Amino acid sequence: MSERHFVDHDAQTVVIVMTSGPSTPQRCATPFYIGALLAAMDAQVTIFFTMEAVRLIRKGVPDALVAMEGGKRIIEFMRDAKSAGVRFQACSPALPGYEMEAGDLIDEIDEVSSGGALADMILSSDKVLFF
């Protein structure tokens, strides 16, 4: 079973700040791949979608997007990360700028939260990666 039902307070925490979106599809697979690897190594990983990355989590968008011709769809990378235990958070202040609401987001999103939540995660995490 890949779903986690416990919190390991000794595990390293990693926040991946995802800013890349559909305009740069070649940058959209790696954060999920790295997130899944880190989660498999028992890190607590959150991917926080902000800026253009919120467009990536609009229903239907990652289903039609690939990082390279002939590669697997971005939604598949996302689902691999989710099944490894990665949490997905969307930045609520970024949504209106792209004419989006919480109801427009893919089911894989765990939470819609503020920029303040991101700042708290950055300050309390062991590692922060930007994509």
N, C-alpha and C. Protein backbone atom coordinates (compact mmCIF):
# COMPACT_ATOMS: atom_id res chain seq x y z
N MET A 1 0.85 -1.17 0.00
CA MET A 1 0.00 0.00 0.00
C MET A 1 0.89 1.23 0.00
N SER A 2 0.71 2.13 -0.95
CA SER A 2 1.58 3.30 -1.05
C SER A 2 1.06 4.50 -0.28
N GLU A 3 -0.17 4.48 0.16
CA GLU A 3 -0.74 5.60 0.88
C GLU A 3 -0.21 5.61 2.31
N ARG A 4 0.14 6.79 2.81
CA ARG A 4 0.71 6.89 4.15
C ARG A 4 -0.40 7.22 5.16
N HIS A 5 -0.36 6.56 6.30
CA HIS A 5 -1.37 6.79 7.32
C HIS A 5 -0.74 7.24 8.64
N PHE A 6 0.47 7.73 8.59
CA PHE A 6 1.15 8.16 9.79
C PHE A 6 2.01 9.38 9.46
N VAL A 7 2.40 10.08 10.50
CA VAL A 7 3.31 11.22 10.33
C VAL A 7 4.60 10.88 11.05
N ASP A 8 5.69 10.87 10.32
CA ASP A 8 7.00 10.61 10.88
C ASP A 8 7.63 11.96 11.22
N HIS A 9 7.65 12.31 12.50
CA HIS A 9 8.15 13.62 12.90
C HIS A 9 9.66 13.75 12.72
N ASP A 10 10.35 12.65 12.46
CA ASP A 10 11.78 12.69 12.22
C ASP A 10 12.12 12.78 10.73
N ALA A 11 11.12 12.62 9.87
CA ALA A 11 11.36 12.64 8.43
C ALA A 11 11.71 14.06 7.97
N GLN A 12 12.54 14.14 6.96
CA GLN A 12 12.85 15.44 6.39
C GLN A 12 11.63 15.96 5.65
N THR A 13 11.45 17.27 5.69
CA THR A 13 10.35 17.90 4.97
C THR A 13 10.92 18.67 3.79
N VAL A 14 10.24 18.54 2.66
CA VAL A 14 10.67 19.19 1.43
C VAL A 14 9.47 19.89 0.81
N VAL A 15 9.67 21.15 0.44
CA VAL A 15 8.66 21.89 -0.30
C VAL A 15 9.21 22.13 -1.69
N ILE A 16 8.42 21.75 -2.69
CA ILE A 16 8.76 22.04 -4.08
C ILE A 16 7.82 23.15 -4.52
N VAL A 17 8.38 24.31 -4.81
CA VAL A 17 7.59 25.44 -5.28
C VAL A 17 7.53 25.34 -6.80
N MET A 18 6.36 25.04 -7.30
CA MET A 18 6.15 24.82 -8.74
C MET A 18 5.62 26.11 -9.35
N THR A 19 6.42 26.72 -10.24
CA THR A 19 5.99 27.93 -10.94
C THR A 19 5.85 27.69 -12.44
N SER A 20 6.41 26.60 -12.94
CA SER A 20 6.33 26.28 -14.37
C SER A 20 4.94 25.78 -14.70
N GLY A 21 4.50 26.10 -15.92
CA GLY A 21 3.17 25.68 -16.34
C GLY A 21 3.15 25.26 -17.79
N PRO A 22 1.97 25.28 -18.38
CA PRO A 22 1.80 24.78 -19.74
C PRO A 22 2.65 25.48 -20.80
N SER A 23 3.09 26.71 -20.56
CA SER A 23 3.91 27.39 -21.57
C SER A 23 5.33 26.82 -21.63
N THR A 24 5.74 26.08 -20.60
CA THR A 24 7.06 25.42 -20.58
C THR A 24 6.88 23.95 -20.20
N PRO A 25 6.23 23.17 -21.07
CA PRO A 25 5.92 21.79 -20.70
C PRO A 25 7.16 20.94 -20.41
N GLN A 26 8.30 21.29 -21.01
CA GLN A 26 9.52 20.52 -20.77
C GLN A 26 10.00 20.63 -19.33
N ARG A 27 9.48 21.59 -18.57
CA ARG A 27 9.85 21.77 -17.16
C ARG A 27 8.82 21.16 -16.20
N CYS A 28 7.77 20.54 -16.74
CA CYS A 28 6.63 20.15 -15.91
C CYS A 28 6.63 18.72 -15.40
N ALA A 29 7.53 17.87 -15.82
CA ALA A 29 7.55 16.48 -15.33
C ALA A 29 8.52 16.30 -14.16
N THR A 30 9.67 16.93 -14.23
CA THR A 30 10.74 16.72 -13.25
C THR A 30 10.32 16.97 -11.81
N PRO A 31 9.58 18.03 -11.49
CA PRO A 31 9.21 18.23 -10.08
C PRO A 31 8.42 17.06 -9.49
N PHE A 32 7.57 16.44 -10.29
CA PHE A 32 6.78 15.31 -9.81
C PHE A 32 7.63 14.07 -9.67
N TYR A 33 8.56 13.89 -10.59
CA TYR A 33 9.49 12.76 -10.53
C TYR A 33 10.37 12.87 -9.29
N ILE A 34 10.95 14.05 -9.07
CA ILE A 34 11.80 14.28 -7.90
C ILE A 34 10.98 14.14 -6.62
N GLY A 35 9.78 14.70 -6.62
CA GLY A 35 8.91 14.59 -5.44
C GLY A 35 8.61 13.14 -5.09
N ALA A 36 8.30 12.34 -6.11
CA ALA A 36 8.01 10.92 -5.87
C ALA A 36 9.24 10.20 -5.33
N LEU A 37 10.42 10.50 -5.88
CA LEU A 37 11.65 9.88 -5.38
C LEU A 37 11.90 10.24 -3.91
N LEU A 38 11.76 11.50 -3.58
CA LEU A 38 11.98 11.94 -2.20
C LEU A 38 10.97 11.31 -1.25
N ALA A 39 9.71 11.25 -1.68
CA ALA A 39 8.68 10.62 -0.83
C ALA A 39 8.97 9.14 -0.63
N ALA A 40 9.47 8.48 -1.67
CA ALA A 40 9.83 7.07 -1.55
C ALA A 40 10.99 6.87 -0.59
N MET A 41 11.77 7.94 -0.37
CA MET A 41 12.88 7.89 0.57
C MET A 41 12.45 8.40 1.94
N ASP A 42 11.13 8.42 2.16
CA ASP A 42 10.51 8.78 3.44
C ASP A 42 10.53 10.25 3.79
N ALA A 43 10.77 11.12 2.82
CA ALA A 43 10.63 12.56 3.07
C ALA A 43 9.14 12.92 2.99
N GLN A 44 8.76 13.94 3.74
CA GLN A 44 7.40 14.49 3.64
C GLN A 44 7.47 15.61 2.61
N VAL A 45 6.84 15.40 1.46
CA VAL A 45 6.98 16.31 0.32
C VAL A 45 5.65 16.98 0.02
N THR A 46 5.73 18.30 -0.18
CA THR A 46 4.58 19.07 -0.65
C THR A 46 4.99 19.82 -1.90
N ILE A 47 4.16 19.74 -2.94
CA ILE A 47 4.36 20.57 -4.12
C ILE A 47 3.33 21.68 -4.04
N PHE A 48 3.82 22.91 -4.05
CA PHE A 48 2.97 24.10 -3.94
C PHE A 48 2.94 24.78 -5.31
N PHE A 49 1.76 24.84 -5.92
CA PHE A 49 1.57 25.40 -7.25
C PHE A 49 1.24 26.89 -7.14
N THR A 50 2.08 27.71 -7.78
CA THR A 50 1.83 29.15 -7.78
C THR A 50 2.24 29.71 -9.14
N MET A 51 1.98 30.98 -9.35
CA MET A 51 2.25 31.64 -10.62
C MET A 51 1.62 30.84 -11.76
N GLU A 52 2.34 30.64 -12.87
CA GLU A 52 1.73 29.95 -14.01
C GLU A 52 1.43 28.48 -13.72
N ALA A 53 2.01 27.92 -12.70
CA ALA A 53 1.77 26.51 -12.38
C ALA A 53 0.31 26.23 -12.04
N VAL A 54 -0.43 27.25 -11.59
CA VAL A 54 -1.85 26.98 -11.32
C VAL A 54 -2.60 26.62 -12.60
N ARG A 55 -2.11 27.09 -13.75
CA ARG A 55 -2.74 26.69 -15.02
C ARG A 55 -2.53 25.20 -15.28
N LEU A 56 -1.46 24.65 -14.77
CA LEU A 56 -1.15 23.23 -14.94
C LEU A 56 -2.14 22.34 -14.20
N ILE A 57 -2.77 22.86 -13.15
CA ILE A 57 -3.67 22.04 -12.35
C ILE A 57 -5.15 22.30 -12.67
N ARG A 58 -5.40 22.97 -13.79
CA ARG A 58 -6.78 23.12 -14.27
C ARG A 58 -7.21 21.79 -14.87
N LYS A 59 -8.44 21.37 -14.55
CA LYS A 59 -8.96 20.11 -15.07
C LYS A 59 -8.73 20.03 -16.58
N GLY A 60 -8.18 18.90 -17.04
CA GLY A 60 -7.96 18.65 -18.45
C GLY A 60 -6.59 19.05 -18.96
N VAL A 61 -5.94 20.02 -18.33
CA VAL A 61 -4.66 20.51 -18.84
C VAL A 61 -3.55 19.46 -18.71
N PRO A 62 -3.31 18.87 -17.53
CA PRO A 62 -2.20 17.91 -17.46
C PRO A 62 -2.48 16.61 -18.20
N ASP A 63 -3.74 16.36 -18.53
CA ASP A 63 -4.09 15.16 -19.30
C ASP A 63 -3.60 15.27 -20.74
N ALA A 64 -3.49 16.48 -21.24
CA ALA A 64 -3.14 16.71 -22.64
C ALA A 64 -1.70 17.18 -22.82
N LEU A 65 -0.93 17.26 -21.75
CA LEU A 65 0.39 17.86 -21.80
C LEU A 65 1.48 16.80 -21.58
N VAL A 66 2.53 16.87 -22.38
CA VAL A 66 3.70 16.00 -22.21
C VAL A 66 4.95 16.89 -22.17
N ALA A 67 5.97 16.44 -21.44
CA ALA A 67 7.21 17.22 -21.33
C ALA A 67 8.07 17.07 -22.57
N MET A 68 7.93 15.94 -23.25
CA MET A 68 8.69 15.72 -24.49
C MET A 68 7.85 14.83 -25.40
N GLU A 69 8.03 15.02 -26.67
CA GLU A 69 7.25 14.26 -27.64
C GLU A 69 7.41 12.76 -27.41
N GLY A 70 6.29 12.06 -27.35
CA GLY A 70 6.31 10.63 -27.12
C GLY A 70 6.39 10.23 -25.66
N GLY A 71 6.56 11.21 -24.77
CA GLY A 71 6.67 10.93 -23.33
C GLY A 71 5.31 10.73 -22.69
N LYS A 72 5.34 10.33 -21.42
CA LYS A 72 4.06 10.13 -20.75
C LYS A 72 3.46 11.47 -20.37
N ARG A 73 2.17 11.47 -20.19
CA ARG A 73 1.43 12.69 -19.89
C ARG A 73 1.79 13.21 -18.49
N ILE A 74 1.72 14.51 -18.33
CA ILE A 74 2.05 15.14 -17.04
C ILE A 74 1.14 14.61 -15.94
N ILE A 75 -0.12 14.37 -16.24
CA ILE A 75 -1.03 13.84 -15.21
C ILE A 75 -0.51 12.51 -14.66
N GLU A 76 0.15 11.72 -15.48
CA GLU A 76 0.70 10.45 -15.01
C GLU A 76 1.85 10.68 -14.02
N PHE A 77 2.71 11.67 -14.31
CA PHE A 77 3.76 12.03 -13.35
C PHE A 77 3.14 12.51 -12.04
N MET A 78 2.08 13.30 -12.15
CA MET A 78 1.39 13.80 -10.96
C MET A 78 0.83 12.65 -10.13
N ARG A 79 0.18 11.72 -10.79
CA ARG A 79 -0.42 10.58 -10.08
C ARG A 79 0.64 9.69 -9.46
N ASP A 80 1.79 9.53 -10.11
CA ASP A 80 2.90 8.79 -9.52
C ASP A 80 3.35 9.46 -8.23
N ALA A 81 3.47 10.77 -8.25
CA ALA A 81 3.88 11.52 -7.06
C ALA A 81 2.83 11.37 -5.95
N LYS A 82 1.56 11.49 -6.32
CA LYS A 82 0.50 11.35 -5.32
C LYS A 82 0.53 9.97 -4.68
N SER A 83 0.70 8.92 -5.49
CA SER A 83 0.70 7.58 -4.92
C SER A 83 1.94 7.31 -4.08
N ALA A 84 2.99 8.10 -4.27
CA ALA A 84 4.18 8.00 -3.41
C ALA A 84 4.01 8.75 -2.10
N GLY A 85 2.95 9.56 -2.00
CA GLY A 85 2.67 10.28 -0.75
C GLY A 85 2.87 11.78 -0.82
N VAL A 86 3.13 12.33 -2.00
CA VAL A 86 3.34 13.78 -2.14
C VAL A 86 2.00 14.50 -2.02
N ARG A 87 2.01 15.59 -1.25
CA ARG A 87 0.81 16.44 -1.11
C ARG A 87 0.88 17.56 -2.13
N PHE A 88 -0.27 17.95 -2.67
CA PHE A 88 -0.37 19.05 -3.63
C PHE A 88 -1.18 20.18 -3.03
N GLN A 89 -0.61 21.39 -3.06
CA GLN A 89 -1.31 22.58 -2.59
C GLN A 89 -1.31 23.62 -3.69
N ALA A 90 -2.43 24.32 -3.83
CA ALA A 90 -2.57 25.38 -4.82
C ALA A 90 -2.62 26.72 -4.11
N CYS A 91 -2.03 27.73 -4.72
CA CYS A 91 -1.99 29.08 -4.16
C CYS A 91 -3.29 29.81 -4.51
N SER A 92 -4.10 30.07 -3.50
CA SER A 92 -5.40 30.71 -3.75
C SER A 92 -5.27 32.10 -4.37
N PRO A 93 -4.30 32.94 -3.99
CA PRO A 93 -4.22 34.26 -4.61
C PRO A 93 -3.85 34.22 -6.10
N ALA A 94 -3.25 33.13 -6.56
CA ALA A 94 -2.87 33.04 -7.98
C ALA A 94 -4.04 32.66 -8.88
N LEU A 95 -5.04 32.00 -8.32
CA LEU A 95 -6.13 31.49 -9.14
C LEU A 95 -6.91 32.57 -9.91
N PRO A 96 -7.34 33.67 -9.26
CA PRO A 96 -8.12 34.67 -10.00
C PRO A 96 -7.36 35.30 -11.17
N GLY A 97 -6.06 35.41 -11.08
CA GLY A 97 -5.26 35.98 -12.16
C GLY A 97 -5.33 35.15 -13.43
N TYR A 98 -5.66 33.89 -13.29
CA TYR A 98 -5.81 32.99 -14.44
C TYR A 98 -7.28 32.62 -14.66
N GLU A 99 -8.16 33.42 -14.07
CA GLU A 99 -9.62 33.23 -14.18
C GLU A 99 -10.00 31.81 -13.78
N MET A 100 -9.51 31.40 -12.61
CA MET A 100 -9.77 30.07 -12.09
C MET A 100 -10.33 30.16 -10.68
N GLU A 101 -11.07 29.12 -10.30
CA GLU A 101 -11.58 28.96 -8.95
C GLU A 101 -11.20 27.57 -8.47
N ALA A 102 -11.39 27.30 -7.20
CA ALA A 102 -11.04 26.00 -6.64
C ALA A 102 -11.75 24.86 -7.37
N GLY A 103 -12.95 25.07 -7.84
CA GLY A 103 -13.71 24.05 -8.55
C GLY A 103 -13.14 23.68 -9.91
N ASP A 104 -12.22 24.50 -10.42
CA ASP A 104 -11.60 24.24 -11.72
C ASP A 104 -10.41 23.30 -11.62
N LEU A 105 -10.01 22.95 -10.39
CA LEU A 105 -8.76 22.22 -10.18
C LEU A 105 -8.93 20.71 -10.27
N ILE A 106 -7.86 20.03 -10.66
CA ILE A 106 -7.85 18.57 -10.73
C ILE A 106 -8.09 17.98 -9.34
N ASP A 107 -8.60 16.77 -9.32
CA ASP A 107 -8.93 16.11 -8.06
C ASP A 107 -7.71 15.82 -7.19
N GLU A 108 -6.54 15.81 -7.78
CA GLU A 108 -5.32 15.47 -7.04
C GLU A 108 -4.89 16.57 -6.05
N ILE A 109 -5.47 17.75 -6.15
CA ILE A 109 -5.11 18.85 -5.24
C ILE A 109 -5.65 18.55 -3.85
N ASP A 110 -4.77 18.59 -2.85
CA ASP A 110 -5.16 18.32 -1.46
C ASP A 110 -5.72 19.55 -0.76
N GLU A 111 -5.21 20.73 -1.15
CA GLU A 111 -5.58 21.93 -0.40
C GLU A 111 -5.33 23.16 -1.26
N VAL A 112 -6.18 24.15 -1.08
CA VAL A 112 -5.98 25.48 -1.66
C VAL A 112 -5.66 26.38 -0.49
N SER A 113 -4.51 27.05 -0.54
CA SER A 113 -4.08 27.84 0.61
C SER A 113 -3.40 29.13 0.18
N SER A 114 -3.10 29.94 1.15
CA SER A 114 -2.57 31.28 0.91
C SER A 114 -1.07 31.29 0.70
N GLY A 115 -0.58 32.43 0.24
CA GLY A 115 0.85 32.64 0.15
C GLY A 115 1.50 32.58 1.52
N GLY A 116 0.76 32.96 2.54
CA GLY A 116 1.28 32.88 3.91
C GLY A 116 1.56 31.44 4.31
N ALA A 117 0.71 30.52 3.84
CA ALA A 117 0.95 29.10 4.13
C ALA A 117 2.25 28.64 3.47
N LEU A 118 2.49 29.13 2.27
CA LEU A 118 3.75 28.80 1.59
C LEU A 118 4.93 29.36 2.38
N ALA A 119 4.84 30.59 2.83
CA ALA A 119 5.93 31.19 3.61
C ALA A 119 6.20 30.38 4.86
N ASP A 120 5.15 29.95 5.56
CA ASP A 120 5.33 29.11 6.76
C ASP A 120 6.02 27.80 6.42
N MET A 121 5.60 27.17 5.30
CA MET A 121 6.24 25.90 4.90
C MET A 121 7.71 26.10 4.57
N ILE A 122 8.02 27.19 3.87
CA ILE A 122 9.41 27.46 3.51
C ILE A 122 10.27 27.62 4.76
N LEU A 123 9.76 28.36 5.73
CA LEU A 123 10.53 28.60 6.96
C LEU A 123 10.68 27.36 7.83
N SER A 124 9.74 26.44 7.73
CA SER A 124 9.80 25.27 8.61
C SER A 124 10.30 24.00 7.93
N SER A 125 10.58 24.06 6.64
CA SER A 125 11.01 22.87 5.91
C SER A 125 12.52 22.70 5.94
N ASP A 126 12.94 21.45 5.79
CA ASP A 126 14.37 21.17 5.72
C ASP A 126 14.97 21.59 4.39
N LYS A 127 14.20 21.41 3.30
CA LYS A 127 14.67 21.75 1.96
C LYS A 127 13.55 22.41 1.18
N VAL A 128 13.92 23.35 0.31
CA VAL A 128 12.98 24.02 -0.58
C VAL A 128 13.58 23.99 -1.98
N LEU A 129 12.80 23.51 -2.95
CA LEU A 129 13.24 23.44 -4.34
C LEU A 129 12.30 24.28 -5.18
N PHE A 130 12.83 24.95 -6.18
CA PHE A 130 12.01 25.79 -7.07
C PHE A 130 12.09 25.26 -8.49
N PHE A 131 10.94 25.08 -9.12
CA PHE A 131 10.86 24.65 -10.51
C PHE A 131 9.95 25.58 -11.28
